[in-house]
Amino acid sequence: MTEFWKEHSKFATVEEMMLDTNAQELTQHELPEILSLLPSLAASDVLELGAGIGRFTRHLIGKARHVTAVDFMEKFVEKNKKDNSHLGSVEFIQADVTKLDFPKHGFDVVFSNWLLMYLSDQELKSLAEKLLLWLRPGGFLFFRESCFHQSGDCKRDFNPTHYRSPAYYNHL
């Protein structure tokens, strides 16, 4: 997976991160919709997994008490930090989400967008168990994935993505 994303993160752009040449336009349409699905983030501690260059980070920071933004690509984390660290209480972590460990009940909201599809079935199962432990009682887990087929129009010589059905995620 690291090699795949090294190839698609050379310039840390939204087009690379979304693997789509129309990323700017797509973001304008999907960002308000996705953010509208979240609960109130006031006084919340948010864990953002697969934060990338900060497409959602900047909006989460503006609403939450604290955001922990995690991505495993150094260029993406650097860009996110450069663009968003001044906006509020935020910590940037460069790490593989499958190797993360946080205290039990450390977050009110866990947010990810287009991350789980890059994990193997076993990695996904293990991470899902951790996510539920990291959430405080009454916490909110939000994830959004491409299901069934590839999203984005970027040419890929190798595609390590697992396009699962929504039923798979619900069952998990």
N, C-alpha and C. Protein backbone atom coordinates (compact mmCIF):
# COMPACT_ATOMS: atom_id res chain seq x y z
N MET A 1 0.82 -1.19 0.00
CA MET A 1 0.00 0.00 0.00
C MET A 1 0.87 1.26 0.00
N THR A 2 1.99 1.19 0.71
CA THR A 2 2.88 2.35 0.76
C THR A 2 3.37 2.71 -0.63
N GLU A 3 3.77 1.72 -1.40
CA GLU A 3 4.26 1.98 -2.76
C GLU A 3 3.16 2.58 -3.64
N PHE A 4 1.95 2.07 -3.50
CA PHE A 4 0.82 2.61 -4.26
C PHE A 4 0.65 4.09 -3.97
N TRP A 5 0.64 4.46 -2.68
CA TRP A 5 0.40 5.85 -2.32
C TRP A 5 1.61 6.74 -2.54
N LYS A 6 2.81 6.18 -2.52
CA LYS A 6 3.98 6.99 -2.88
C LYS A 6 3.83 7.47 -4.32
N GLU A 7 3.34 6.58 -5.17
CA GLU A 7 3.13 6.93 -6.58
C GLU A 7 2.04 7.99 -6.73
N HIS A 8 1.06 8.01 -5.82
CA HIS A 8 -0.07 8.92 -5.95
C HIS A 8 -0.06 10.05 -4.91
N SER A 9 1.13 10.40 -4.42
CA SER A 9 1.20 11.50 -3.45
C SER A 9 2.41 12.40 -3.68
N LYS A 10 2.91 12.42 -4.87
CA LYS A 10 4.13 13.18 -5.17
C LYS A 10 3.98 14.68 -4.93
N PHE A 11 2.80 15.22 -5.17
CA PHE A 11 2.60 16.67 -5.06
C PHE A 11 1.61 17.05 -3.96
N ALA A 12 1.06 16.07 -3.27
CA ALA A 12 0.11 16.29 -2.18
C ALA A 12 -1.04 17.19 -2.61
N THR A 13 -1.68 16.84 -3.70
CA THR A 13 -2.83 17.60 -4.20
C THR A 13 -4.12 16.83 -3.91
N VAL A 14 -5.22 17.52 -3.98
CA VAL A 14 -6.51 16.89 -3.78
C VAL A 14 -6.80 15.89 -4.92
N GLU A 15 -6.29 16.19 -6.11
CA GLU A 15 -6.48 15.28 -7.24
C GLU A 15 -5.76 13.95 -6.98
N GLU A 16 -4.57 14.02 -6.42
CA GLU A 16 -3.84 12.79 -6.09
C GLU A 16 -4.55 12.03 -4.97
N MET A 17 -4.94 12.75 -3.95
CA MET A 17 -5.54 12.12 -2.80
C MET A 17 -6.85 11.42 -3.17
N MET A 18 -7.64 12.04 -4.05
CA MET A 18 -8.92 11.46 -4.45
C MET A 18 -8.80 10.58 -5.69
N LEU A 19 -7.60 10.54 -6.28
CA LEU A 19 -7.36 9.75 -7.48
C LEU A 19 -8.34 10.13 -8.60
N ASP A 20 -8.57 11.45 -8.73
CA ASP A 20 -9.56 11.92 -9.69
C ASP A 20 -9.18 13.31 -10.20
N THR A 21 -9.22 13.49 -11.52
CA THR A 21 -8.88 14.79 -12.10
C THR A 21 -9.95 15.85 -11.84
N ASN A 22 -11.15 15.43 -11.45
CA ASN A 22 -12.24 16.35 -11.15
C ASN A 22 -12.41 16.57 -9.64
N ALA A 23 -11.35 16.37 -8.89
CA ALA A 23 -11.43 16.40 -7.42
C ALA A 23 -11.94 17.72 -6.87
N GLN A 24 -11.54 18.83 -7.45
CA GLN A 24 -11.99 20.13 -6.95
C GLN A 24 -13.51 20.25 -7.04
N GLU A 25 -14.04 19.91 -8.18
CA GLU A 25 -15.49 19.99 -8.39
C GLU A 25 -16.23 18.99 -7.51
N LEU A 26 -15.72 17.77 -7.42
CA LEU A 26 -16.35 16.75 -6.57
C LEU A 26 -16.39 17.21 -5.12
N THR A 27 -15.31 17.81 -4.66
CA THR A 27 -15.23 18.28 -3.27
C THR A 27 -16.30 19.33 -3.00
N GLN A 28 -16.50 20.25 -3.93
CA GLN A 28 -17.52 21.30 -3.75
C GLN A 28 -18.91 20.69 -3.53
N HIS A 29 -19.17 19.58 -4.21
CA HIS A 29 -20.49 18.96 -4.11
C HIS A 29 -20.62 18.04 -2.89
N GLU A 30 -19.58 17.27 -2.61
CA GLU A 30 -19.72 16.26 -1.57
C GLU A 30 -19.40 16.76 -0.17
N LEU A 31 -18.54 17.74 -0.03
CA LEU A 31 -18.13 18.22 1.29
C LEU A 31 -19.32 18.66 2.15
N PRO A 32 -20.19 19.54 1.66
CA PRO A 32 -21.33 19.96 2.50
C PRO A 32 -22.23 18.78 2.88
N GLU A 33 -22.43 17.86 1.95
CA GLU A 33 -23.29 16.71 2.23
C GLU A 33 -22.68 15.84 3.32
N ILE A 34 -21.40 15.54 3.21
CA ILE A 34 -20.74 14.68 4.20
C ILE A 34 -20.75 15.35 5.57
N LEU A 35 -20.40 16.62 5.64
CA LEU A 35 -20.37 17.32 6.92
C LEU A 35 -21.75 17.41 7.55
N SER A 36 -22.80 17.46 6.72
CA SER A 36 -24.16 17.55 7.25
C SER A 36 -24.59 16.25 7.93
N LEU A 37 -23.92 15.16 7.65
CA LEU A 37 -24.26 13.86 8.24
C LEU A 37 -23.66 13.67 9.63
N LEU A 38 -22.76 14.56 10.03
CA LEU A 38 -22.09 14.43 11.32
C LEU A 38 -22.94 15.06 12.43
N PRO A 39 -22.78 14.55 13.65
CA PRO A 39 -23.47 15.18 14.78
C PRO A 39 -22.79 16.51 15.10
N SER A 40 -23.35 17.24 16.02
CA SER A 40 -22.69 18.45 16.49
C SER A 40 -21.32 18.07 17.05
N LEU A 41 -20.31 18.80 16.65
CA LEU A 41 -18.95 18.50 17.10
C LEU A 41 -18.51 19.42 18.24
N ALA A 42 -19.37 20.31 18.68
CA ALA A 42 -19.03 21.23 19.76
C ALA A 42 -18.59 20.43 20.98
N ALA A 43 -17.47 20.81 21.56
CA ALA A 43 -16.90 20.16 22.75
C ALA A 43 -16.54 18.69 22.50
N SER A 44 -16.31 18.31 21.24
CA SER A 44 -15.97 16.92 20.90
C SER A 44 -14.49 16.76 20.61
N ASP A 45 -13.99 15.58 20.94
CA ASP A 45 -12.65 15.17 20.53
C ASP A 45 -12.84 14.23 19.35
N VAL A 46 -12.24 14.61 18.21
CA VAL A 46 -12.46 13.90 16.95
C VAL A 46 -11.17 13.22 16.51
N LEU A 47 -11.29 11.97 16.12
CA LEU A 47 -10.19 11.23 15.49
C LEU A 47 -10.51 11.12 14.01
N GLU A 48 -9.65 11.70 13.19
CA GLU A 48 -9.83 11.62 11.74
C GLU A 48 -8.78 10.67 11.18
N LEU A 49 -9.22 9.56 10.66
CA LEU A 49 -8.31 8.55 10.10
C LEU A 49 -8.26 8.68 8.59
N GLY A 50 -7.04 8.62 8.02
CA GLY A 50 -6.88 8.83 6.59
C GLY A 50 -7.14 10.28 6.24
N ALA A 51 -6.61 11.17 7.06
CA ALA A 51 -6.88 12.60 6.93
C ALA A 51 -6.32 13.20 5.65
N GLY A 52 -5.31 12.57 5.07
CA GLY A 52 -4.74 13.08 3.83
C GLY A 52 -4.23 14.50 3.98
N ILE A 53 -4.52 15.32 2.98
CA ILE A 53 -4.02 16.70 2.96
C ILE A 53 -4.92 17.66 3.76
N GLY A 54 -5.98 17.14 4.36
CA GLY A 54 -6.80 17.95 5.23
C GLY A 54 -8.10 18.44 4.62
N ARG A 55 -8.57 17.74 3.62
CA ARG A 55 -9.82 18.12 2.96
C ARG A 55 -10.96 18.27 3.97
N PHE A 56 -11.02 17.40 4.96
CA PHE A 56 -12.04 17.49 6.00
C PHE A 56 -11.48 18.07 7.29
N THR A 57 -10.20 17.93 7.52
CA THR A 57 -9.58 18.38 8.77
C THR A 57 -9.93 19.82 9.07
N ARG A 58 -9.78 20.71 8.10
CA ARG A 58 -10.03 22.14 8.34
C ARG A 58 -11.45 22.39 8.82
N HIS A 59 -12.41 21.61 8.35
CA HIS A 59 -13.80 21.79 8.75
C HIS A 59 -14.06 21.17 10.12
N LEU A 60 -13.40 20.07 10.41
CA LEU A 60 -13.55 19.44 11.72
C LEU A 60 -12.94 20.32 12.81
N ILE A 61 -11.77 20.89 12.53
CA ILE A 61 -11.10 21.76 13.51
C ILE A 61 -12.01 22.92 13.88
N GLY A 62 -12.68 23.48 12.92
CA GLY A 62 -13.52 24.64 13.17
C GLY A 62 -14.72 24.36 14.05
N LYS A 63 -15.07 23.09 14.20
CA LYS A 63 -16.27 22.73 14.95
C LYS A 63 -15.96 21.97 16.24
N ALA A 64 -14.86 21.24 16.30
CA ALA A 64 -14.55 20.36 17.43
C ALA A 64 -13.66 21.04 18.47
N ARG A 65 -13.64 20.47 19.66
CA ARG A 65 -12.72 20.94 20.70
C ARG A 65 -11.29 20.58 20.31
N HIS A 66 -11.10 19.34 19.82
CA HIS A 66 -9.76 18.89 19.42
C HIS A 66 -9.90 17.85 18.30
N VAL A 67 -8.98 17.90 17.35
CA VAL A 67 -8.94 16.93 16.26
C VAL A 67 -7.57 16.25 16.27
N THR A 68 -7.59 14.95 16.14
CA THR A 68 -6.37 14.18 15.92
C THR A 68 -6.45 13.66 14.50
N ALA A 69 -5.60 14.19 13.62
CA ALA A 69 -5.63 13.87 12.19
C ALA A 69 -4.49 12.91 11.87
N VAL A 70 -4.83 11.73 11.35
CA VAL A 70 -3.86 10.67 11.10
C VAL A 70 -3.83 10.31 9.62
N ASP A 71 -2.63 10.20 9.07
CA ASP A 71 -2.44 9.66 7.72
C ASP A 71 -1.07 9.01 7.69
N PHE A 72 -0.88 8.05 6.79
CA PHE A 72 0.41 7.38 6.77
C PHE A 72 1.37 7.91 5.71
N MET A 73 0.90 8.84 4.87
CA MET A 73 1.78 9.42 3.86
C MET A 73 2.36 10.74 4.36
N GLU A 74 3.68 10.79 4.46
CA GLU A 74 4.37 11.96 5.01
C GLU A 74 4.00 13.25 4.29
N LYS A 75 3.97 13.22 2.96
CA LYS A 75 3.65 14.44 2.20
C LYS A 75 2.24 14.94 2.51
N PHE A 76 1.30 14.01 2.67
CA PHE A 76 -0.07 14.41 2.99
C PHE A 76 -0.13 15.04 4.38
N VAL A 77 0.54 14.43 5.36
CA VAL A 77 0.54 14.96 6.72
C VAL A 77 1.19 16.34 6.76
N GLU A 78 2.32 16.49 6.06
CA GLU A 78 3.01 17.79 6.02
C GLU A 78 2.10 18.87 5.44
N LYS A 79 1.41 18.56 4.36
CA LYS A 79 0.51 19.53 3.71
C LYS A 79 -0.65 19.88 4.63
N ASN A 80 -1.23 18.88 5.28
CA ASN A 80 -2.33 19.10 6.21
C ASN A 80 -1.87 20.01 7.35
N LYS A 81 -0.72 19.71 7.90
CA LYS A 81 -0.17 20.51 9.01
C LYS A 81 0.09 21.95 8.57
N LYS A 82 0.70 22.10 7.41
CA LYS A 82 1.03 23.44 6.88
C LYS A 82 -0.23 24.28 6.68
N ASP A 83 -1.27 23.65 6.14
CA ASP A 83 -2.49 24.39 5.80
C ASP A 83 -3.45 24.58 6.97
N ASN A 84 -3.38 23.71 7.98
CA ASN A 84 -4.45 23.71 8.98
C ASN A 84 -4.03 23.83 10.44
N SER A 85 -2.75 23.76 10.73
CA SER A 85 -2.33 23.75 12.14
C SER A 85 -2.68 25.04 12.88
N HIS A 86 -2.82 26.12 12.17
CA HIS A 86 -3.13 27.41 12.79
C HIS A 86 -4.61 27.60 13.10
N LEU A 87 -5.45 26.66 12.70
CA LEU A 87 -6.90 26.85 12.80
C LEU A 87 -7.49 26.50 14.17
N GLY A 88 -6.74 25.79 14.99
CA GLY A 88 -7.29 25.41 16.29
C GLY A 88 -6.53 24.27 16.90
N SER A 89 -7.17 23.60 17.82
CA SER A 89 -6.55 22.50 18.57
C SER A 89 -6.53 21.23 17.71
N VAL A 90 -5.34 20.90 17.23
CA VAL A 90 -5.19 19.75 16.34
C VAL A 90 -3.83 19.11 16.54
N GLU A 91 -3.79 17.79 16.44
CA GLU A 91 -2.55 17.03 16.47
C GLU A 91 -2.47 16.25 15.17
N PHE A 92 -1.31 16.27 14.54
CA PHE A 92 -1.10 15.54 13.29
C PHE A 92 -0.20 14.35 13.59
N ILE A 93 -0.63 13.19 13.14
CA ILE A 93 0.14 11.96 13.38
C ILE A 93 0.36 11.27 12.05
N GLN A 94 1.62 10.94 11.77
CA GLN A 94 1.93 10.13 10.60
C GLN A 94 2.06 8.69 11.09
N ALA A 95 1.12 7.86 10.70
CA ALA A 95 1.11 6.47 11.17
C ALA A 95 0.21 5.62 10.29
N ASP A 96 0.46 4.35 10.32
CA ASP A 96 -0.38 3.34 9.69
C ASP A 96 -1.55 3.10 10.65
N VAL A 97 -2.78 3.28 10.19
CA VAL A 97 -3.94 3.14 11.07
C VAL A 97 -4.04 1.75 11.69
N THR A 98 -3.49 0.76 11.02
CA THR A 98 -3.58 -0.61 11.55
C THR A 98 -2.64 -0.81 12.74
N LYS A 99 -1.75 0.15 12.98
CA LYS A 99 -0.80 0.04 14.09
C LYS A 99 -1.06 1.06 15.19
N LEU A 100 -2.13 1.82 15.06
CA LEU A 100 -2.45 2.84 16.06
C LEU A 100 -2.95 2.22 17.35
N ASP A 101 -2.72 2.94 18.43
CA ASP A 101 -3.28 2.55 19.71
C ASP A 101 -3.61 3.82 20.48
N PHE A 102 -4.85 3.97 20.86
CA PHE A 102 -5.30 5.11 21.63
C PHE A 102 -5.99 4.60 22.89
N PRO A 103 -6.09 5.44 23.90
CA PRO A 103 -6.78 5.03 25.12
C PRO A 103 -8.26 4.71 24.87
N LYS A 104 -8.77 3.80 25.65
CA LYS A 104 -10.20 3.45 25.61
C LYS A 104 -11.01 4.71 25.91
N HIS A 105 -12.07 4.90 25.14
CA HIS A 105 -13.01 6.02 25.31
C HIS A 105 -12.34 7.38 25.17
N GLY A 106 -11.38 7.49 24.24
CA GLY A 106 -10.65 8.73 24.05
C GLY A 106 -11.28 9.73 23.10
N PHE A 107 -12.29 9.29 22.33
CA PHE A 107 -12.86 10.17 21.30
C PHE A 107 -14.38 10.13 21.30
N ASP A 108 -14.95 11.28 20.97
CA ASP A 108 -16.41 11.37 20.82
C ASP A 108 -16.84 10.98 19.41
N VAL A 109 -15.97 11.27 18.44
CA VAL A 109 -16.27 11.01 17.03
C VAL A 109 -15.03 10.41 16.37
N VAL A 110 -15.23 9.35 15.60
CA VAL A 110 -14.19 8.82 14.72
C VAL A 110 -14.72 9.00 13.30
N PHE A 111 -13.89 9.64 12.46
CA PHE A 111 -14.29 10.00 11.10
C PHE A 111 -13.26 9.45 10.12
N SER A 112 -13.75 8.80 9.07
CA SER A 112 -12.85 8.41 7.97
C SER A 112 -13.62 8.47 6.66
N ASN A 113 -12.91 8.82 5.62
CA ASN A 113 -13.49 8.92 4.30
C ASN A 113 -12.55 8.23 3.32
N TRP A 114 -13.01 7.16 2.71
CA TRP A 114 -12.22 6.41 1.73
C TRP A 114 -10.91 5.89 2.33
N LEU A 115 -11.01 5.20 3.42
CA LEU A 115 -9.85 4.60 4.06
C LEU A 115 -9.98 3.09 4.18
N LEU A 116 -11.12 2.62 4.67
CA LEU A 116 -11.28 1.21 4.99
C LEU A 116 -11.12 0.31 3.77
N MET A 117 -11.41 0.83 2.60
CA MET A 117 -11.30 0.04 1.37
C MET A 117 -9.85 -0.29 1.03
N TYR A 118 -8.90 0.35 1.71
CA TYR A 118 -7.49 0.06 1.47
C TYR A 118 -6.92 -0.94 2.47
N LEU A 119 -7.78 -1.48 3.32
CA LEU A 119 -7.35 -2.46 4.31
C LEU A 119 -7.79 -3.86 3.90
N SER A 120 -7.00 -4.84 4.27
CA SER A 120 -7.41 -6.23 4.05
C SER A 120 -8.59 -6.54 4.98
N ASP A 121 -9.26 -7.65 4.75
CA ASP A 121 -10.39 -8.02 5.60
C ASP A 121 -9.96 -8.15 7.06
N GLN A 122 -8.82 -8.76 7.30
CA GLN A 122 -8.34 -8.94 8.68
C GLN A 122 -7.95 -7.60 9.31
N GLU A 123 -7.29 -6.73 8.55
CA GLU A 123 -6.94 -5.40 9.06
C GLU A 123 -8.20 -4.61 9.40
N LEU A 124 -9.19 -4.71 8.54
CA LEU A 124 -10.45 -4.01 8.76
C LEU A 124 -11.14 -4.51 10.03
N LYS A 125 -11.21 -5.80 10.20
CA LYS A 125 -11.85 -6.37 11.39
C LYS A 125 -11.13 -5.91 12.65
N SER A 126 -9.83 -5.97 12.65
CA SER A 126 -9.04 -5.55 13.81
C SER A 126 -9.23 -4.07 14.11
N LEU A 127 -9.19 -3.24 13.06
CA LEU A 127 -9.37 -1.80 13.25
C LEU A 127 -10.78 -1.50 13.75
N ALA A 128 -11.79 -2.15 13.22
CA ALA A 128 -13.17 -1.91 13.65
C ALA A 128 -13.31 -2.18 15.14
N GLU A 129 -12.69 -3.22 15.63
CA GLU A 129 -12.74 -3.53 17.06
C GLU A 129 -12.10 -2.41 17.87
N LYS A 130 -10.97 -1.89 17.39
CA LYS A 130 -10.29 -0.79 18.08
C LYS A 130 -11.13 0.48 18.06
N LEU A 131 -11.71 0.79 16.90
CA LEU A 131 -12.51 2.01 16.77
C LEU A 131 -13.62 2.06 17.82
N LEU A 132 -14.28 0.93 18.00
CA LEU A 132 -15.37 0.89 18.96
C LEU A 132 -14.86 1.06 20.39
N LEU A 133 -13.66 0.59 20.68
CA LEU A 133 -13.07 0.79 22.00
C LEU A 133 -12.65 2.25 22.22
N TRP A 134 -12.17 2.89 21.16
CA TRP A 134 -11.70 4.27 21.27
C TRP A 134 -12.84 5.27 21.46
N LEU A 135 -14.03 4.91 21.00
CA LEU A 135 -15.17 5.81 21.13
C LEU A 135 -15.68 5.85 22.57
N ARG A 136 -16.05 7.03 23.00
CA ARG A 136 -16.69 7.19 24.30
C ARG A 136 -18.11 6.63 24.20
N PRO A 137 -18.71 6.24 25.32
CA PRO A 137 -20.11 5.80 25.28
C PRO A 137 -20.97 6.87 24.63
N GLY A 138 -21.81 6.46 23.70
CA GLY A 138 -22.64 7.40 22.95
C GLY A 138 -21.90 8.08 21.81
N GLY A 139 -20.66 7.63 21.55
CA GLY A 139 -19.85 8.22 20.49
C GLY A 139 -20.41 7.94 19.11
N PHE A 140 -19.81 8.57 18.11
CA PHE A 140 -20.31 8.52 16.74
C PHE A 140 -19.19 8.06 15.81
N LEU A 141 -19.44 6.97 15.09
CA LEU A 141 -18.49 6.46 14.10
C LEU A 141 -19.02 6.80 12.71
N PHE A 142 -18.23 7.55 11.94
CA PHE A 142 -18.61 7.89 10.58
C PHE A 142 -17.54 7.37 9.64
N PHE A 143 -17.95 6.61 8.64
CA PHE A 143 -17.03 6.22 7.57
C PHE A 143 -17.79 6.21 6.26
N ARG A 144 -17.06 6.50 5.21
CA ARG A 144 -17.63 6.54 3.86
C ARG A 144 -16.65 5.82 2.94
N GLU A 145 -17.16 4.93 2.13
CA GLU A 145 -16.30 4.11 1.27
C GLU A 145 -16.85 4.02 -0.14
N SER A 146 -15.98 3.74 -1.09
CA SER A 146 -16.41 3.37 -2.43
C SER A 146 -16.77 1.89 -2.38
N CYS A 147 -17.97 1.58 -2.76
CA CYS A 147 -18.42 0.19 -2.74
C CYS A 147 -18.63 -0.30 -4.16
N PHE A 148 -18.41 -1.57 -4.36
CA PHE A 148 -18.67 -2.28 -5.60
C PHE A 148 -17.65 -2.04 -6.72
N HIS A 149 -17.22 -0.78 -6.94
CA HIS A 149 -16.31 -0.53 -8.06
C HIS A 149 -15.44 0.68 -7.79
N GLN A 150 -14.42 0.84 -8.59
CA GLN A 150 -13.44 1.91 -8.46
C GLN A 150 -14.07 3.28 -8.58
N SER A 151 -13.63 4.18 -7.72
CA SER A 151 -14.00 5.59 -7.86
C SER A 151 -12.76 6.32 -8.37
N GLY A 152 -12.97 7.49 -8.90
CA GLY A 152 -11.85 8.26 -9.43
C GLY A 152 -11.47 7.82 -10.83
N ASP A 153 -10.93 8.77 -11.60
CA ASP A 153 -10.57 8.48 -12.99
C ASP A 153 -9.06 8.35 -13.21
N CYS A 154 -8.30 8.33 -12.13
CA CYS A 154 -6.85 8.23 -12.24
C CYS A 154 -6.43 6.83 -12.71
N LYS A 155 -5.52 6.80 -13.68
CA LYS A 155 -5.00 5.53 -14.18
C LYS A 155 -4.17 4.87 -13.08
N ARG A 156 -4.42 3.58 -12.90
CA ARG A 156 -3.69 2.82 -11.89
C ARG A 156 -3.15 1.55 -12.51
N ASP A 157 -1.84 1.41 -12.47
CA ASP A 157 -1.23 0.18 -12.97
C ASP A 157 -1.50 -0.96 -12.00
N PHE A 158 -1.69 -0.59 -10.75
CA PHE A 158 -1.96 -1.56 -9.69
C PHE A 158 -3.05 -0.96 -8.82
N ASN A 159 -4.06 -1.72 -8.49
CA ASN A 159 -5.15 -1.20 -7.67
C ASN A 159 -5.35 -2.13 -6.47
N PRO A 160 -4.86 -1.73 -5.29
CA PRO A 160 -4.95 -2.60 -4.11
C PRO A 160 -6.26 -2.45 -3.34
N THR A 161 -7.22 -1.76 -3.91
CA THR A 161 -8.45 -1.43 -3.21
C THR A 161 -9.40 -2.63 -3.12
N HIS A 162 -10.09 -2.73 -1.99
CA HIS A 162 -11.11 -3.77 -1.76
C HIS A 162 -12.47 -3.10 -1.83
N TYR A 163 -13.19 -3.30 -2.91
CA TYR A 163 -14.51 -2.70 -3.08
C TYR A 163 -15.55 -3.66 -2.50
N ARG A 164 -15.92 -3.40 -1.27
CA ARG A 164 -16.85 -4.26 -0.55
C ARG A 164 -18.27 -3.71 -0.70
N SER A 165 -19.23 -4.52 -0.36
CA SER A 165 -20.62 -4.07 -0.40
C SER A 165 -20.95 -3.35 0.91
N PRO A 166 -21.94 -2.46 0.89
CA PRO A 166 -22.38 -1.84 2.15
C PRO A 166 -22.79 -2.89 3.17
N ALA A 167 -23.37 -3.99 2.72
CA ALA A 167 -23.80 -5.07 3.63
C ALA A 167 -22.59 -5.65 4.39
N TYR A 168 -21.44 -5.73 3.73
CA TYR A 168 -20.23 -6.23 4.39
C TYR A 168 -19.87 -5.34 5.59
N TYR A 169 -19.88 -4.04 5.37
CA TYR A 169 -19.54 -3.10 6.45
C TYR A 169 -20.60 -3.16 7.56
N ASN A 170 -21.87 -3.24 7.19
CA ASN A 170 -22.93 -3.33 8.21
C ASN A 170 -22.78 -4.58 9.04
N HIS A 171 -22.47 -5.70 8.41
CA HIS A 171 -22.28 -6.94 9.13
C HIS A 171 -21.09 -6.86 10.09
N LEU A 172 -20.02 -6.25 9.62
CA LEU A 172 -18.81 -6.12 10.44
C LEU A 172 -19.11 -5.32 11.69
